[in-house]
Amino acid sequence: MSVTKFYRLREIIGDRKQGIHGIVPVSRAAWYAGIKDGRYPKPIKLSEKSAAWRASDIEMLVERLNKGCWNEQVEQQGSSGIKKSCGGCGGCCHE
C-alpha cells in the first residue's frame, strides 16, 4: 500500500502569524480564485470540514510555475488528458 502525502492550505500558501513560509506565496483569495479558474489543483475532502491537497499535485504545480507556466489549466483526474497552453511559456505545457 502506497502512502500519499497531503498539504494543508497554510502549508501551501503560508501563514505569517505562525511563521510558516508558503510553497506558493499567494493570498488565500488568489489561491481559491486559481482553483476556480483551473490554474491550481482542487482539494481532496478528508472530512466534512477538512480538506487538503495531494503533495504530488502541489509538486506538479511548482514544476509548472518554475517553467513559467503560471496560467496553465490543471489537468484533473478523469479529464480528457488535454492540457491547455498558458500562452506565455513557449509550449512547455505540452511536454
Protein backbone atom coordinates (compact mmCIF):
# COMPACT_ATOMS: atom_id res chain seq x y z
CA MET A 1 0.00 0.00 0.00
CA SER A 2 1.47 3.35 -1.01
CA VAL A 3 1.32 6.35 1.29
CA THR A 4 0.01 9.61 -0.10
CA LYS A 5 1.24 12.81 1.50
CA PHE A 6 -1.13 15.77 1.80
CA TYR A 7 -0.63 19.50 2.35
CA ARG A 8 -3.00 21.75 4.25
CA LEU A 9 -3.68 25.23 2.87
CA ARG A 10 -1.43 27.05 5.34
CA GLU A 11 1.49 24.83 4.25
CA ILE A 12 0.87 25.73 0.61
CA ILE A 13 0.30 29.49 0.84
CA GLY A 14 1.97 30.10 4.20
CA ASP A 15 0.83 31.78 7.40
CA ARG A 16 2.75 34.86 8.53
CA LYS A 17 1.24 34.81 12.02
CA GLN A 18 2.54 31.29 12.64
CA GLY A 19 5.82 31.86 10.80
CA ILE A 20 5.04 29.31 8.06
CA HIS A 21 6.62 30.07 4.68
CA GLY A 22 4.40 29.08 1.79
CA ILE A 23 5.32 26.87 -1.15
CA VAL A 24 3.23 29.10 -3.45
CA PRO A 25 3.24 32.62 -1.98
CA VAL A 26 -0.21 33.89 -2.94
CA SER A 27 -3.10 35.14 -0.86
CA ARG A 28 -5.94 32.86 0.23
CA ALA A 29 -8.30 34.71 -2.14
CA ALA A 30 -5.89 34.33 -5.07
CA TRP A 31 -5.45 30.61 -4.28
CA TYR A 32 -9.20 29.93 -4.31
CA ALA A 33 -9.66 32.06 -7.44
CA GLY A 34 -6.94 29.94 -9.08
CA ILE A 35 -8.79 26.76 -8.11
CA LYS A 36 -12.00 28.15 -9.58
CA ASP A 37 -10.17 29.13 -12.81
CA GLY A 38 -8.50 25.72 -13.01
CA ARG A 39 -4.93 27.04 -12.54
CA TYR A 40 -4.45 25.38 -9.14
CA PRO A 41 -5.45 21.83 -8.13
CA LYS A 42 -8.71 21.15 -6.35
CA PRO A 43 -8.57 19.97 -2.74
CA ILE A 44 -9.43 16.48 -1.54
CA LYS A 45 -12.13 16.39 1.13
CA LEU A 46 -10.79 14.50 4.15
CA SER A 47 -13.97 15.02 6.15
CA GLU A 48 -17.00 17.29 6.16
CA LYS A 49 -14.95 20.26 7.41
CA SER A 50 -11.42 19.32 6.39
CA ALA A 51 -9.66 19.48 3.03
CA ALA A 52 -6.08 19.01 1.84
CA TRP A 53 -4.12 18.81 -1.39
CA ARG A 54 -2.09 15.85 -2.65
CA ALA A 55 1.63 16.56 -2.39
CA SER A 56 2.06 15.21 -5.94
CA ASP A 57 -0.43 17.80 -7.26
CA ILE A 58 1.40 20.63 -5.49
CA GLU A 59 4.79 19.36 -6.73
CA MET A 60 3.48 19.34 -10.33
CA LEU A 61 2.17 22.88 -9.82
CA VAL A 62 5.59 24.05 -8.58
CA GLU A 63 7.26 22.44 -11.62
CA ARG A 64 4.86 24.27 -13.95
CA LEU A 65 5.45 27.57 -12.16
CA ASN A 66 9.23 27.08 -12.36
CA LYS A 67 8.89 26.64 -16.13
CA GLY A 68 6.90 29.88 -16.38
CA CYS A 69 3.55 28.14 -16.95
CA TRP A 70 1.66 30.26 -14.43
CA ASN A 71 -1.63 30.26 -16.33
CA GLU A 72 -1.90 26.64 -17.49
CA GLN A 73 -5.12 24.81 -16.70
CA VAL A 74 -4.61 22.00 -14.19
CA GLU A 75 -5.20 18.54 -15.58
CA GLN A 76 -7.70 16.95 -13.21
CA GLN A 77 -8.01 13.21 -12.72
CA GLY A 78 -10.53 11.70 -15.08
CA SER A 79 -10.24 14.51 -17.61
CA SER A 80 -9.59 14.12 -21.31
CA GLY A 81 -5.84 14.45 -20.74
CA ILE A 82 -5.57 17.51 -22.97
CA LYS A 83 -3.54 20.34 -21.49
CA LYS A 84 -4.07 23.93 -22.49
CA SER A 85 -1.09 26.16 -23.16
CA CYS A 86 -0.66 29.13 -20.87
CA GLY A 87 0.33 31.25 -23.84
CA GLY A 88 3.49 32.56 -22.22
CA CYS A 89 5.72 29.56 -21.93
CA GLY A 90 6.58 28.63 -25.49
CA GLY A 91 4.79 25.29 -25.39
CA CYS A 92 6.32 23.72 -22.26
CA CYS A 93 2.80 22.95 -21.07
CA HIS A 94 2.54 20.25 -23.74
CA GLU A 95 5.53 18.22 -22.55
